Amino acid sequence: MLARYYHTLRHLRPIQIAARIGRKIYDPRPVLVPPPMLRPVSGIWRVPCRRAPSMSGNAKFRFLNEERQLRFPEDWQAPGASRLWLYNLHYFEDLCAIGSSARRAWHTQLMQRWIAENPPRRGVGWESYPLSLRIVNWIKWAMDGNPPGDELCASLATQVRYLRRRLEYHLLGNHLFSNAKALVFAGAFFSGPEAAGWFDQGMRLIDKLLGEQVLADGAHFELSPMYHALALEDLLDLINIGSACGMAVPANWRDTAPRMFDWLRAMCHPDGGIAFFNDAALGLAPTLCELKRYAADLGVPVVARGRASLPAASGYVRMEAGAAVLIADCAAIGPDYLPAHGHADSLSFELSLQSRRVLVNSGTSIYAGGPLRQAQRGTAAHNTLRLDGRDSSDVWAEFRVARRARTQLELGPDPLQGLLQASHDGYRHLSGAARHRRRWQLGLDELNIFDSVEGKGYHRVECFLHFHPDWSVRMQAADCYIVRSADAALVFELSVDPKLGWYLEEDAWYPEFGRKVTNVRLRGDYQGRLPLQFETRLTWRG
C-alpha cells in the first residue's frame, strides 16, 4: 500500500499539495454585502446546448437514471443518494433543459428554496464544482429572458465571492476551468469594479488553462471524449456570454473550437455517439450534433479536415476503410498529475461496421467507490490484454492511479495501408519485464489484430473482446465464431488463435450512468512462457 501511495502522490504538482493543505485549514466567511449592478445586454444571447429535462414535478428529479421524490429542506443532502446525484441536484441544469420555459414556476420556487435552505458553506451545494456549474446555469437562465430579481442577484454575488476564494487548485484540470468559467460569467453578467475583478481573474485563468488543456490535435488533455465534449461546450458558452455582454472575445477561443470539433468528430462512432475510452458515457455531455448547432448559431467555424486518422498528440487514432471505423487507444492514461478519469485501457479499441457499434469498451455508470467502479476502470473491461490478472495501470479508489502504463506509437497510422502499431510497458514491474505490442490492419472487408507479449518467464495472458448488446456470438468451430446483428442483416466471421483457450462469457455494457445492459465478451486465456504472439481476424462482406 505504501508503494501505491508513493506512485500516486509523486506525480502531484506542488500547488496541488499546498492547496489541499490550505483547504483543510481555511474556509472563508461569506461576504454578504449588496451585489454589483447588472450589466445591460448589448448583444444577442444564443440558445445554449439543451439537456433532457430532469424535473418532472416541483420536487421530483431524475439524474443518472435514478428518480427521487424529495422532501425539502432535508433532502438537499438526500441520504442514500450518491455524491454525483447530489451534485446534479445542485447544478440546476433543468433551468436550461429542453422545454424549460414550461417549468419556469418550478424553477423560480426551487431557486428561492435553495437560497433559503442552503446557507453559505453548508452542504454539497457549496463545494466549488457544483457552485461553479450553478452560477453559470442561474446566469444562463437569466440571459434566457427570466428577470433574476434582487434576492437571486444577491445570492449569486455571495456564491461568486465564496468561489473566488475556493478555486480548485488542489485538483486543477476541468474543475479549475469550470471555476474560471463561472468567474467570467459573473464578471460579464454584473458590472462595476468588483465584477471587473471577477472577470479579469477568470480570463487570466482561461487563457492559461486553454493553452495547457487543449492538445495540438484538439483533444482535451484528460483524454475522455465525454469531458472533451463538456470542455467544448464550456468554450462555446464563454464565447456566447462574451458576445452577448459586449466583451471582446479572444481570437484564440474561436481558433481553438474547430480543433476541438475535429478531435471530437474523430472520437465519435458513425451513430453520432462518443467512443468509450476512460470515463465516458452517453447522456451527460451534449452530442456532437448539438454542439455543431450551437457553434453555427454563434458563428464559430466547424472545420472538417477530412483525414483518416488523428495526429499523435493525444495518442488516439481513427482509421476508416469502407463501412468500417476503428478507434484505437495508443494514449497515456491522462496527465500525470491528473489521471482521475483514466482507465487501464492501453491499446484498447472500438469498432463499428455500417454505422453499428460492434466491439465496445464496457463504459462508465458510476463514480462511487467499490467493486463496480474498480471493474469498469480495469483492463478486463476493455478490448485489450491483461497479464497475470493485473491491470495495465494501477487504477484504484474512485479516481486514483498509482503506477501508469507508458504507451508508444510505433507505426502509422497509415491511411493507405490501414496499418497502426503501438506498445505499452504497463507490465514492466512484473517478472520478465513484459511489454504488450499490438498491430491493427484494417481493410475493406477485414480487420487483423496481431498481438505480441514480449518478455520472459511463465505468465497468464488474457485477451478480451466485448461485443455491443445488439450482436450475438456463437461458436462455429474451435477457432472460429459467427457474429450476427440482432436483425440478422450483418454477419461476420471471427477467427481466433488456438494457442489460447477461448470462452464466451455473459458480460455487461454500461452506456449511461446508472444503466446496465447485458452483452457477451470473448475471452482468450493462455498460461505458459513468454514471448507469445497470436492473431485475431474479423472478416465481413463490404
Protein backbone atom coordinates (compact mmCIF):
# COMPACT_ATOMS: atom_id res chain seq x y z
CA MET A 1 0.00 0.00 0.00
CA LEU A 2 2.89 2.40 0.71
CA ALA A 3 4.20 1.80 -2.82
CA ARG A 4 0.73 2.52 -4.23
CA TYR A 5 0.56 5.83 -2.35
CA TYR A 6 4.08 6.71 -3.48
CA HIS A 7 3.32 6.10 -7.16
CA THR A 8 0.06 8.05 -6.80
CA LEU A 9 1.36 11.08 -4.93
CA ARG A 10 4.74 11.57 -6.58
CA HIS A 11 3.12 12.99 -9.72
CA LEU A 12 1.17 15.75 -7.94
CA ARG A 13 2.22 19.33 -8.55
CA PRO A 14 3.35 21.39 -5.55
CA ILE A 15 0.37 23.72 -5.98
CA GLN A 16 -1.99 20.74 -5.62
CA ILE A 17 -0.39 19.68 -2.36
CA ALA A 18 -0.34 23.22 -0.97
CA ALA A 19 -3.96 23.78 -1.98
CA ARG A 20 -5.07 20.53 -0.31
CA ILE A 21 -3.49 21.67 2.94
CA GLY A 22 -4.95 25.15 2.57
CA ARG A 23 -8.48 23.87 2.07
CA LYS A 24 -8.22 21.88 5.30
CA ILE A 25 -7.25 24.86 7.43
CA TYR A 26 -9.05 27.76 5.75
CA ASP A 27 -12.74 28.13 4.95
CA PRO A 28 -13.57 31.76 4.10
CA ARG A 29 -16.53 33.51 5.66
CA PRO A 30 -19.27 34.57 3.25
CA VAL A 31 -19.32 38.20 2.11
CA LEU A 32 -22.90 39.43 2.39
CA VAL A 33 -22.63 42.98 1.06
CA PRO A 34 -25.04 44.12 -1.69
CA PRO A 35 -24.36 42.70 -5.17
CA PRO A 36 -22.95 44.75 -8.07
CA MET A 37 -25.31 46.24 -10.62
CA LEU A 38 -26.35 44.15 -13.60
CA ARG A 39 -24.67 44.83 -16.93
CA PRO A 40 -27.00 45.78 -19.78
CA VAL A 41 -27.12 43.14 -22.52
CA SER A 42 -25.76 44.79 -25.66
CA GLY A 43 -25.54 41.74 -27.89
CA ILE A 44 -27.58 38.65 -28.70
CA TRP A 45 -27.71 35.70 -26.32
CA ARG A 46 -27.80 32.47 -28.32
CA VAL A 47 -29.65 29.36 -27.18
CA PRO A 48 -27.07 27.12 -25.47
CA CYS A 49 -26.97 23.32 -25.57
CA ARG A 50 -30.13 21.84 -24.10
CA ARG A 51 -30.17 18.77 -21.85
CA ALA A 52 -33.05 16.37 -21.39
CA PRO A 53 -35.40 17.55 -18.60
CA SER A 54 -34.52 16.33 -15.10
CA MET A 55 -37.57 17.73 -13.27
CA SER A 56 -40.98 16.08 -13.53
CA GLY A 57 -42.51 17.83 -10.52
CA ASN A 58 -41.64 20.72 -8.23
CA ALA A 59 -39.67 18.30 -6.04
CA LYS A 60 -39.24 15.29 -8.31
CA PHE A 61 -35.90 14.79 -10.03
CA ARG A 62 -34.26 12.24 -12.29
CA PHE A 63 -30.48 12.16 -12.54
CA LEU A 64 -28.18 9.34 -13.67
CA ASN A 65 -31.26 7.19 -14.48
CA GLU A 66 -32.40 7.38 -10.85
CA GLU A 67 -35.60 9.22 -9.94
CA ARG A 68 -36.34 10.58 -6.47
CA GLN A 69 -39.21 12.48 -4.90
CA LEU A 70 -37.52 14.85 -2.45
CA ARG A 71 -38.62 16.49 0.74
CA PHE A 72 -37.01 19.82 1.39
CA PRO A 73 -35.08 21.14 3.19
CA GLU A 74 -33.51 17.91 4.48
CA ASP A 75 -33.20 16.28 1.05
CA TRP A 76 -30.80 18.87 -0.32
CA GLN A 77 -28.38 16.35 1.21
CA ALA A 78 -30.62 13.35 0.48
CA PRO A 79 -29.48 10.30 2.45
CA GLY A 80 -28.80 7.30 0.26
CA ALA A 81 -28.17 9.36 -2.87
CA SER A 82 -24.71 9.15 -4.44
CA ARG A 83 -22.49 12.20 -4.29
CA LEU A 84 -22.74 12.62 -8.06
CA TRP A 85 -26.55 12.51 -7.86
CA LEU A 86 -26.46 15.26 -5.22
CA TYR A 87 -24.04 17.27 -7.34
CA ASN A 88 -26.54 17.12 -10.20
CA LEU A 89 -29.31 18.28 -7.89
CA HIS A 90 -27.29 21.38 -7.02
CA TYR A 91 -26.20 22.10 -10.61
CA PHE A 92 -29.71 23.33 -11.60
CA GLU A 93 -29.26 22.13 -15.19
CA ASP A 94 -33.02 21.84 -15.70
CA LEU A 95 -33.14 25.65 -15.86
CA CYS A 96 -31.61 25.35 -19.35
CA ALA A 97 -33.05 21.98 -20.38
CA ILE A 98 -35.43 21.21 -23.24
CA GLY A 99 -38.84 22.79 -22.60
CA SER A 100 -37.57 24.72 -19.58
CA SER A 101 -39.95 27.65 -20.09
CA ALA A 102 -42.91 25.39 -19.25
CA ARG A 103 -41.31 24.69 -15.85
CA ARG A 104 -40.50 28.29 -15.00
CA ALA A 105 -42.70 28.36 -11.90
CA TRP A 106 -40.99 25.24 -10.53
CA HIS A 107 -37.59 26.74 -11.28
CA THR A 108 -38.33 30.03 -9.57
CA GLN A 109 -39.62 28.26 -6.48
CA LEU A 110 -36.63 25.88 -6.46
CA MET A 111 -34.10 28.72 -6.63
CA GLN A 112 -35.86 30.54 -3.81
CA ARG A 113 -35.79 27.35 -1.74
CA TRP A 114 -32.13 26.79 -2.43
CA ILE A 115 -31.27 30.31 -1.26
CA ALA A 116 -33.34 29.97 1.90
CA GLU A 117 -32.35 26.41 2.81
CA ASN A 118 -28.66 26.28 1.85
CA PRO A 119 -26.83 28.85 3.98
CA PRO A 120 -23.26 29.64 2.92
CA ARG A 121 -20.58 26.99 3.46
CA ARG A 122 -23.04 24.23 4.36
CA GLY A 123 -23.53 21.07 2.34
CA VAL A 124 -22.72 19.75 -1.10
CA GLY A 125 -24.09 22.83 -2.85
CA TRP A 126 -21.24 24.98 -1.55
CA GLU A 127 -18.49 22.73 -2.87
CA SER A 128 -16.60 24.55 -5.59
CA TYR A 129 -17.57 22.40 -8.58
CA PRO A 130 -21.37 22.40 -8.12
CA LEU A 131 -21.06 26.03 -7.09
CA SER A 132 -19.39 26.83 -10.43
CA LEU A 133 -21.97 24.99 -12.53
CA ARG A 134 -24.90 26.50 -10.62
CA ILE A 135 -23.57 30.06 -11.03
CA VAL A 136 -23.36 29.52 -14.78
CA ASN A 137 -26.80 27.91 -15.02
CA TRP A 138 -28.50 30.63 -12.99
CA ILE A 139 -26.91 33.26 -15.25
CA LYS A 140 -27.93 31.32 -18.38
CA TRP A 141 -31.48 31.23 -17.01
CA ALA A 142 -31.44 35.00 -16.57
CA MET A 143 -29.94 35.52 -20.04
CA ASP A 144 -32.77 33.40 -21.47
CA GLY A 145 -35.15 36.23 -20.58
CA ASN A 146 -36.02 35.49 -16.94
CA PRO A 147 -35.69 38.56 -14.67
CA PRO A 148 -33.36 37.46 -11.84
CA GLY A 149 -34.71 39.66 -9.04
CA ASP A 150 -32.83 41.17 -6.12
CA GLU A 151 -32.72 38.01 -3.98
CA LEU A 152 -31.22 35.87 -6.71
CA CYS A 153 -28.66 38.56 -7.64
CA ALA A 154 -27.61 38.88 -4.00
CA SER A 155 -27.21 35.10 -3.69
CA LEU A 156 -25.27 34.90 -6.95
CA ALA A 157 -22.81 37.52 -5.77
CA THR A 158 -22.35 35.72 -2.43
CA GLN A 159 -21.69 32.45 -4.26
CA VAL A 160 -19.16 34.05 -6.63
CA ARG A 161 -17.28 35.72 -3.79
CA TYR A 162 -17.04 32.42 -1.94
CA LEU A 163 -15.97 30.52 -5.04
CA ARG A 164 -13.25 33.05 -5.79
CA ARG A 165 -11.54 32.09 -2.54
CA ARG A 166 -12.11 28.34 -3.03
CA LEU A 167 -10.75 27.75 -6.52
CA GLU A 168 -9.87 24.10 -7.05
CA TYR A 169 -6.11 24.31 -7.37
CA HIS A 170 -5.92 21.03 -5.45
CA LEU A 171 -7.49 19.30 -8.48
CA LEU A 172 -6.70 21.58 -11.45
CA GLY A 173 -7.97 20.23 -14.80
CA ASN A 174 -11.61 20.56 -15.79
CA HIS A 175 -12.60 21.59 -12.25
CA LEU A 176 -10.40 24.69 -12.26
CA PHE A 177 -11.58 25.52 -15.80
CA SER A 178 -15.20 25.38 -14.58
CA ASN A 179 -14.30 27.69 -11.69
CA ALA A 180 -12.73 30.15 -14.12
CA LYS A 181 -15.73 29.95 -16.45
CA ALA A 182 -18.06 30.86 -13.55
CA LEU A 183 -15.91 33.92 -12.73
CA VAL A 184 -16.05 35.07 -16.36
CA PHE A 185 -19.82 34.54 -16.49
CA ALA A 186 -20.34 36.51 -13.27
CA GLY A 187 -17.97 39.27 -14.34
CA ALA A 188 -19.81 39.66 -17.65
CA PHE A 189 -23.28 39.47 -16.05
CA PHE A 190 -22.59 42.11 -13.39
CA SER A 191 -20.84 45.47 -13.79
CA GLY A 192 -18.59 47.67 -11.71
CA PRO A 193 -15.14 47.26 -10.14
CA GLU A 194 -15.90 44.07 -8.20
CA ALA A 195 -17.35 42.35 -11.27
CA ALA A 196 -14.36 43.52 -13.32
CA GLY A 197 -12.11 41.79 -10.79
CA TRP A 198 -14.04 38.52 -11.20
CA PHE A 199 -13.90 38.83 -14.96
CA ASP A 200 -10.18 39.61 -15.15
CA GLN A 201 -9.25 36.75 -12.82
CA GLY A 202 -11.39 34.32 -14.79
CA MET A 203 -9.96 35.48 -18.11
CA ARG A 204 -6.38 35.09 -16.91
CA LEU A 205 -7.13 31.56 -15.78
CA ILE A 206 -8.93 30.66 -19.02
CA ASP A 207 -6.03 31.96 -21.08
CA LYS A 208 -3.55 29.84 -19.12
CA LEU A 209 -5.69 26.71 -18.90
CA LEU A 210 -6.84 26.66 -22.51
CA GLY A 211 -3.26 26.53 -23.76
CA GLU A 212 -2.44 23.67 -21.40
CA GLN A 213 -5.64 21.65 -21.59
CA VAL A 214 -6.21 21.56 -25.36
CA LEU A 215 -3.54 19.49 -27.11
CA ALA A 216 -2.16 20.03 -30.61
CA ASP A 217 -4.71 17.68 -32.19
CA GLY A 218 -7.59 19.40 -30.37
CA ALA A 219 -8.05 16.84 -27.59
CA HIS A 220 -8.85 17.88 -24.04
CA PHE A 221 -5.85 16.70 -22.05
CA GLU A 222 -7.81 14.46 -19.65
CA LEU A 223 -8.42 12.21 -22.69
CA SER A 224 -12.07 11.41 -22.03
CA PRO A 225 -14.37 12.01 -25.02
CA MET A 226 -17.17 12.85 -22.57
CA TYR A 227 -15.19 15.50 -20.71
CA HIS A 228 -13.86 16.77 -24.03
CA ALA A 229 -17.45 17.45 -25.17
CA LEU A 230 -18.14 19.24 -21.88
CA ALA A 231 -14.98 21.34 -22.30
CA LEU A 232 -16.03 22.27 -25.84
CA GLU A 233 -19.45 23.31 -24.52
CA ASP A 234 -17.67 25.43 -21.89
CA LEU A 235 -15.71 27.23 -24.60
CA LEU A 236 -18.83 27.90 -26.69
CA ASP A 237 -20.63 29.18 -23.57
CA LEU A 238 -17.77 31.61 -22.93
CA ILE A 239 -18.00 32.89 -26.50
CA ASN A 240 -21.77 33.27 -26.03
CA ILE A 241 -21.64 35.27 -22.79
CA GLY A 242 -18.79 37.45 -24.04
CA SER A 243 -20.61 38.31 -27.26
CA ALA A 244 -23.96 38.93 -25.54
CA CYS A 245 -22.46 41.23 -22.91
CA GLY A 246 -20.32 43.27 -25.29
CA MET A 247 -16.99 41.82 -24.19
CA ALA A 248 -14.11 41.29 -26.61
CA VAL A 249 -13.96 37.57 -27.37
CA PRO A 250 -10.31 36.44 -27.66
CA ALA A 251 -9.38 35.20 -31.12
CA ASN A 252 -7.80 32.03 -29.74
CA TRP A 253 -11.20 30.92 -28.38
CA ARG A 254 -12.61 30.85 -31.91
CA ASP A 255 -9.41 29.27 -33.24
CA THR A 256 -9.41 26.52 -30.60
CA ALA A 257 -13.03 25.43 -31.05
CA PRO A 258 -12.61 24.00 -34.59
CA ARG A 259 -9.64 21.87 -33.45
CA MET A 260 -11.74 20.54 -30.59
CA PHE A 261 -14.55 19.73 -33.01
CA ASP A 262 -12.11 17.88 -35.22
CA TRP A 263 -10.97 15.62 -32.36
CA LEU A 264 -14.50 15.02 -31.09
CA ARG A 265 -15.68 14.09 -34.56
CA ALA A 266 -12.86 11.57 -34.83
CA MET A 267 -13.76 10.08 -31.45
CA CYS A 268 -17.41 9.53 -32.37
CA HIS A 269 -18.85 6.41 -33.96
CA PRO A 270 -20.94 6.72 -37.13
CA ASP A 271 -24.04 6.58 -34.89
CA GLY A 272 -23.04 10.05 -33.60
CA GLY A 273 -22.14 8.97 -30.07
CA ILE A 274 -18.75 9.09 -28.40
CA ALA A 275 -16.40 6.13 -28.08
CA PHE A 276 -15.92 4.79 -24.55
CA PHE A 277 -12.35 5.48 -23.54
CA ASN A 278 -11.53 6.48 -19.97
CA ASP A 279 -14.57 7.83 -18.08
CA ALA A 280 -17.16 8.12 -20.83
CA ALA A 281 -20.90 7.58 -21.11
CA LEU A 282 -23.79 8.85 -23.18
CA GLY A 283 -26.27 11.38 -21.85
CA LEU A 284 -24.11 13.63 -19.64
CA ALA A 285 -22.40 15.76 -22.28
CA PRO A 286 -24.03 17.35 -25.32
CA THR A 287 -23.80 15.40 -28.55
CA LEU A 288 -21.59 16.38 -31.46
CA CYS A 289 -24.73 17.31 -33.40
CA GLU A 290 -25.97 19.65 -30.65
CA LEU A 291 -22.54 21.25 -30.26
CA LYS A 292 -22.37 21.87 -34.01
CA ARG A 293 -25.80 23.54 -33.89
CA TYR A 294 -24.63 25.76 -31.04
CA ALA A 295 -21.41 26.69 -32.84
CA ALA A 296 -23.31 27.59 -36.01
CA ASP A 297 -25.60 29.92 -34.04
CA LEU A 298 -22.52 31.61 -32.59
CA GLY A 299 -20.79 31.90 -35.94
CA VAL A 300 -17.96 29.64 -34.79
CA PRO A 301 -16.48 27.62 -37.67
CA VAL A 302 -16.54 23.84 -37.56
CA VAL A 303 -13.67 22.62 -39.70
CA ALA A 304 -13.67 19.09 -41.15
CA ARG A 305 -10.12 18.18 -42.12
CA GLY A 306 -11.16 15.00 -43.85
CA ARG A 307 -8.20 12.84 -42.81
CA ALA A 308 -8.43 9.18 -41.92
CA SER A 309 -6.54 9.38 -38.64
CA LEU A 310 -5.57 11.75 -35.87
CA PRO A 311 -2.06 13.02 -35.27
CA ALA A 312 -0.30 11.57 -32.27
CA ALA A 313 -0.62 14.46 -29.80
CA SER A 314 -3.40 12.77 -27.82
CA GLY A 315 -2.45 9.21 -28.77
CA TYR A 316 -5.90 8.27 -30.15
CA VAL A 317 -6.18 7.09 -33.73
CA ARG A 318 -9.17 6.74 -36.04
CA MET A 319 -8.95 4.56 -39.15
CA GLU A 320 -11.67 4.03 -41.77
CA ALA A 321 -11.97 1.51 -44.58
CA GLY A 322 -15.23 1.15 -46.48
CA ALA A 323 -18.00 0.53 -43.95
CA ALA A 324 -15.60 0.02 -41.03
CA VAL A 325 -14.47 2.56 -38.45
CA LEU A 326 -11.82 1.71 -35.87
CA ILE A 327 -10.85 3.97 -32.96
CA ALA A 328 -7.72 2.90 -31.07
CA ASP A 329 -6.17 3.95 -27.77
CA CYS A 330 -2.42 4.47 -28.13
CA ALA A 331 -2.52 7.17 -25.46
CA ALA A 332 -1.30 7.83 -21.96
CA ILE A 333 -3.85 7.34 -19.19
CA GLY A 334 -4.06 11.13 -18.82
CA PRO A 335 -1.98 14.00 -17.40
CA ASP A 336 0.48 12.65 -14.83
CA TYR A 337 -0.81 14.99 -12.15
CA LEU A 338 -4.48 14.40 -13.01
CA PRO A 339 -5.38 10.86 -14.17
CA ALA A 340 -8.65 10.87 -12.18
CA HIS A 341 -10.83 9.89 -15.14
CA GLY A 342 -8.34 7.42 -16.58
CA HIS A 343 -8.95 3.71 -17.20
CA ALA A 344 -6.43 0.89 -17.58
CA ASP A 345 -7.33 0.62 -21.28
CA SER A 346 -3.95 0.84 -23.03
CA LEU A 347 -4.10 -0.48 -26.63
CA SER A 348 -7.85 -0.99 -26.44
CA PHE A 349 -10.05 -0.18 -29.45
CA GLU A 350 -13.66 0.08 -30.60
CA LEU A 351 -15.09 -0.95 -33.97
CA SER A 352 -18.19 -0.01 -35.97
CA LEU A 353 -19.50 -1.63 -39.15
CA GLN A 354 -22.10 0.04 -41.37
CA SER A 355 -22.83 2.60 -38.66
CA ARG A 356 -23.36 -0.07 -35.98
CA ARG A 357 -21.12 -0.49 -32.96
CA VAL A 358 -19.63 -3.96 -32.87
CA LEU A 359 -16.72 -4.06 -30.39
CA VAL A 360 -17.11 -1.74 -27.43
CA ASN A 361 -15.36 -0.94 -24.19
CA SER A 362 -17.61 -1.53 -21.20
CA GLY A 363 -18.36 2.12 -20.36
CA THR A 364 -18.90 4.02 -17.12
CA SER A 365 -22.02 4.01 -14.96
CA ILE A 366 -20.81 5.01 -11.51
CA TYR A 367 -18.25 7.19 -9.71
CA ALA A 368 -18.83 5.87 -6.19
CA GLY A 369 -16.02 3.67 -4.92
CA GLY A 370 -16.45 -0.09 -4.83
CA PRO A 371 -16.11 -3.23 -6.95
CA LEU A 372 -18.16 -1.92 -9.90
CA ARG A 373 -16.15 1.28 -10.23
CA GLN A 374 -12.94 -0.73 -9.97
CA ALA A 375 -14.11 -3.22 -12.60
CA GLN A 376 -15.19 -0.53 -15.06
CA ARG A 377 -11.78 1.13 -14.85
CA GLY A 378 -9.92 -2.17 -15.05
CA THR A 379 -8.20 -3.70 -18.08
CA ALA A 380 -10.65 -6.61 -18.39
CA ALA A 381 -13.49 -4.15 -19.18
CA HIS A 382 -11.74 -3.13 -22.39
CA ASN A 383 -10.75 -4.71 -25.71
CA THR A 384 -7.12 -5.36 -24.81
CA LEU A 385 -4.80 -7.75 -22.94
CA ARG A 386 -4.31 -8.42 -19.23
CA LEU A 387 -1.23 -10.10 -17.78
CA ASP A 388 -1.29 -12.20 -14.59
CA GLY A 389 -4.67 -10.75 -13.61
CA ARG A 390 -3.15 -7.28 -13.20
CA ASP A 391 -4.38 -4.01 -14.69
CA SER A 392 -2.08 -2.32 -17.19
CA SER A 393 -2.21 0.80 -14.99
CA ASP A 394 -2.87 0.58 -11.26
CA VAL A 395 -6.30 2.22 -11.06
CA TRP A 396 -7.68 2.30 -7.53
CA ALA A 397 -10.27 4.02 -5.32
CA GLU A 398 -12.67 6.26 -7.25
CA PHE A 399 -10.20 8.46 -9.13
CA ARG A 400 -6.68 7.41 -8.27
CA VAL A 401 -3.92 5.87 -10.35
CA ALA A 402 -0.57 4.66 -8.99
CA ARG A 403 1.81 3.01 -11.47
CA ARG A 404 0.92 4.03 -15.06
CA ALA A 405 1.49 2.34 -18.41
CA ARG A 406 3.61 4.31 -20.86
CA THR A 407 2.43 3.89 -24.44
CA GLN A 408 4.48 4.35 -27.58
CA LEU A 409 3.08 4.77 -31.09
CA GLU A 410 5.44 2.77 -33.29
CA LEU A 411 3.91 2.54 -36.75
CA GLY A 412 1.46 4.72 -38.58
CA PRO A 413 -1.24 5.50 -38.69
CA ASP A 414 -1.09 4.73 -42.40
CA PRO A 415 -4.47 5.54 -44.00
CA LEU A 416 -3.47 3.88 -47.30
CA GLN A 417 -2.47 0.52 -45.86
CA GLY A 418 -4.69 0.73 -42.78
CA LEU A 419 -1.73 -0.05 -40.52
CA LEU A 420 -1.23 1.02 -36.93
CA GLN A 421 1.15 -0.32 -34.29
CA ALA A 422 1.80 0.65 -30.69
CA SER A 423 3.11 -0.85 -27.46
CA HIS A 424 3.00 -0.20 -23.73
CA ASP A 425 5.13 -1.08 -20.70
CA GLY A 426 2.38 -1.38 -18.10
CA TYR A 427 3.67 -4.80 -17.01
CA ARG A 428 7.35 -3.87 -16.78
CA HIS A 429 7.24 -4.26 -12.98
CA LEU A 430 6.32 -7.96 -13.22
CA SER A 431 8.91 -10.70 -13.51
CA GLY A 432 10.21 -10.94 -17.06
CA ALA A 433 9.57 -7.23 -17.76
CA ALA A 434 6.76 -7.94 -20.23
CA ARG A 435 5.73 -5.49 -22.96
CA HIS A 436 2.48 -5.65 -24.94
CA ARG A 437 2.71 -4.75 -28.61
CA ARG A 438 -0.34 -4.62 -30.89
CA ARG A 439 -0.70 -4.06 -34.64
CA TRP A 440 -4.02 -3.35 -36.31
CA GLN A 441 -4.50 -3.79 -40.07
CA LEU A 442 -7.87 -2.57 -41.32
CA GLY A 443 -9.08 -3.36 -44.82
CA LEU A 444 -12.32 -3.02 -46.75
CA ASP A 445 -13.59 -6.40 -45.59
CA GLU A 446 -11.38 -7.45 -42.68
CA LEU A 447 -9.57 -6.44 -39.53
CA ASN A 448 -6.43 -8.27 -38.46
CA ILE A 449 -5.06 -7.77 -34.95
CA PHE A 450 -1.55 -9.00 -34.23
CA ASP A 451 -0.63 -9.20 -30.55
CA SER A 452 2.73 -9.97 -29.02
CA VAL A 453 3.67 -10.12 -25.36
CA GLU A 454 7.43 -9.82 -25.09
CA GLY A 455 9.36 -10.80 -22.02
CA LYS A 456 10.43 -13.89 -20.10
CA GLY A 457 9.04 -16.39 -17.64
CA TYR A 458 5.76 -18.19 -17.05
CA HIS A 459 2.68 -15.93 -17.16
CA ARG A 460 -1.05 -15.86 -17.75
CA VAL A 461 -2.24 -13.75 -20.69
CA GLU A 462 -5.92 -12.92 -21.21
CA CYS A 463 -7.36 -11.25 -24.30
CA PHE A 464 -10.81 -9.61 -24.12
CA LEU A 465 -13.27 -8.74 -26.90
CA HIS A 466 -16.54 -7.11 -25.79
CA PHE A 467 -19.49 -7.09 -28.19
CA HIS A 468 -22.21 -4.48 -28.34
CA PRO A 469 -25.52 -5.87 -27.00
CA ASP A 470 -27.06 -5.79 -30.48
CA TRP A 471 -24.79 -8.65 -31.61
CA SER A 472 -24.95 -12.37 -30.90
CA VAL A 473 -21.89 -14.62 -30.97
CA ARG A 474 -21.82 -18.39 -31.44
CA MET A 475 -19.01 -20.87 -31.90
CA GLN A 476 -18.77 -22.46 -35.34
CA ALA A 477 -15.51 -24.32 -34.73
CA ALA A 478 -12.80 -24.39 -32.09
CA ASP A 479 -11.07 -21.38 -33.64
CA CYS A 480 -14.00 -19.70 -35.42
CA TYR A 481 -17.06 -17.73 -34.26
CA ILE A 482 -20.01 -16.30 -36.17
CA VAL A 483 -21.13 -12.83 -35.09
CA ARG A 484 -24.61 -11.73 -36.15
CA SER A 485 -26.51 -8.46 -35.73
CA ALA A 486 -29.85 -8.56 -33.92
CA ASP A 487 -31.78 -8.09 -37.16
CA ALA A 488 -29.54 -10.64 -38.97
CA ALA A 489 -28.72 -8.02 -41.60
CA LEU A 490 -24.98 -8.20 -40.87
CA VAL A 491 -22.87 -11.27 -40.27
CA PHE A 492 -19.13 -11.60 -39.92
CA GLU A 493 -16.62 -14.27 -39.02
CA LEU A 494 -14.16 -14.07 -36.15
CA SER A 495 -11.08 -16.31 -36.35
CA VAL A 496 -9.01 -16.76 -33.19
CA ASP A 497 -5.63 -18.29 -32.44
CA PRO A 498 -5.70 -21.82 -30.97
CA LYS A 499 -2.69 -21.01 -28.79
CA LEU A 500 -5.26 -19.54 -26.42
CA GLY A 501 -8.30 -21.20 -24.94
CA TRP A 502 -11.37 -19.13 -25.88
CA TYR A 503 -14.54 -18.74 -23.81
CA LEU A 504 -17.83 -16.91 -24.38
CA GLU A 505 -18.99 -15.14 -21.21
CA GLU A 506 -22.00 -13.09 -20.23
CA ASP A 507 -20.93 -9.54 -19.51
CA ALA A 508 -22.37 -6.04 -19.08
CA TRP A 509 -22.18 -2.83 -21.10
CA TYR A 510 -22.80 0.49 -19.33
CA PRO A 511 -23.84 3.09 -21.93
CA GLU A 512 -25.07 5.64 -19.37
CA PHE A 513 -24.67 6.40 -15.70
CA GLY A 514 -27.00 4.16 -13.74
CA ARG A 515 -27.74 1.89 -16.71
CA LYS A 516 -26.61 -1.69 -17.33
CA VAL A 517 -27.20 -3.75 -20.50
CA THR A 518 -26.31 -7.42 -20.82
CA ASN A 519 -23.86 -8.34 -23.57
CA VAL A 520 -21.24 -11.01 -24.25
CA ARG A 521 -17.49 -10.98 -24.30
CA LEU A 522 -14.99 -13.42 -25.75
CA ARG A 523 -12.01 -14.16 -23.51
CA GLY A 524 -8.85 -15.82 -24.70
CA ASP A 525 -6.72 -17.44 -21.99
CA TYR A 526 -3.07 -18.52 -22.25
CA GLN A 527 -0.86 -19.86 -19.48
CA GLY A 528 2.72 -20.53 -20.45
CA ARG A 529 6.05 -18.99 -21.17
CA LEU A 530 6.73 -15.68 -22.88
CA PRO A 531 7.21 -14.44 -25.52
CA LEU A 532 3.76 -15.01 -27.02
CA GLN A 533 2.41 -13.97 -30.44
CA PHE A 534 -1.09 -14.53 -31.76
CA GLU A 535 -3.50 -13.17 -34.37
CA THR A 536 -7.22 -12.36 -34.30
CA ARG A 537 -9.09 -11.82 -37.57
CA LEU A 538 -12.54 -10.40 -38.30
CA THR A 539 -13.90 -10.72 -41.84
CA TRP A 540 -17.12 -9.36 -43.30
CA ARG A 541 -18.66 -8.55 -46.63
CA GLY A 542 -18.35 -4.93 -47.62
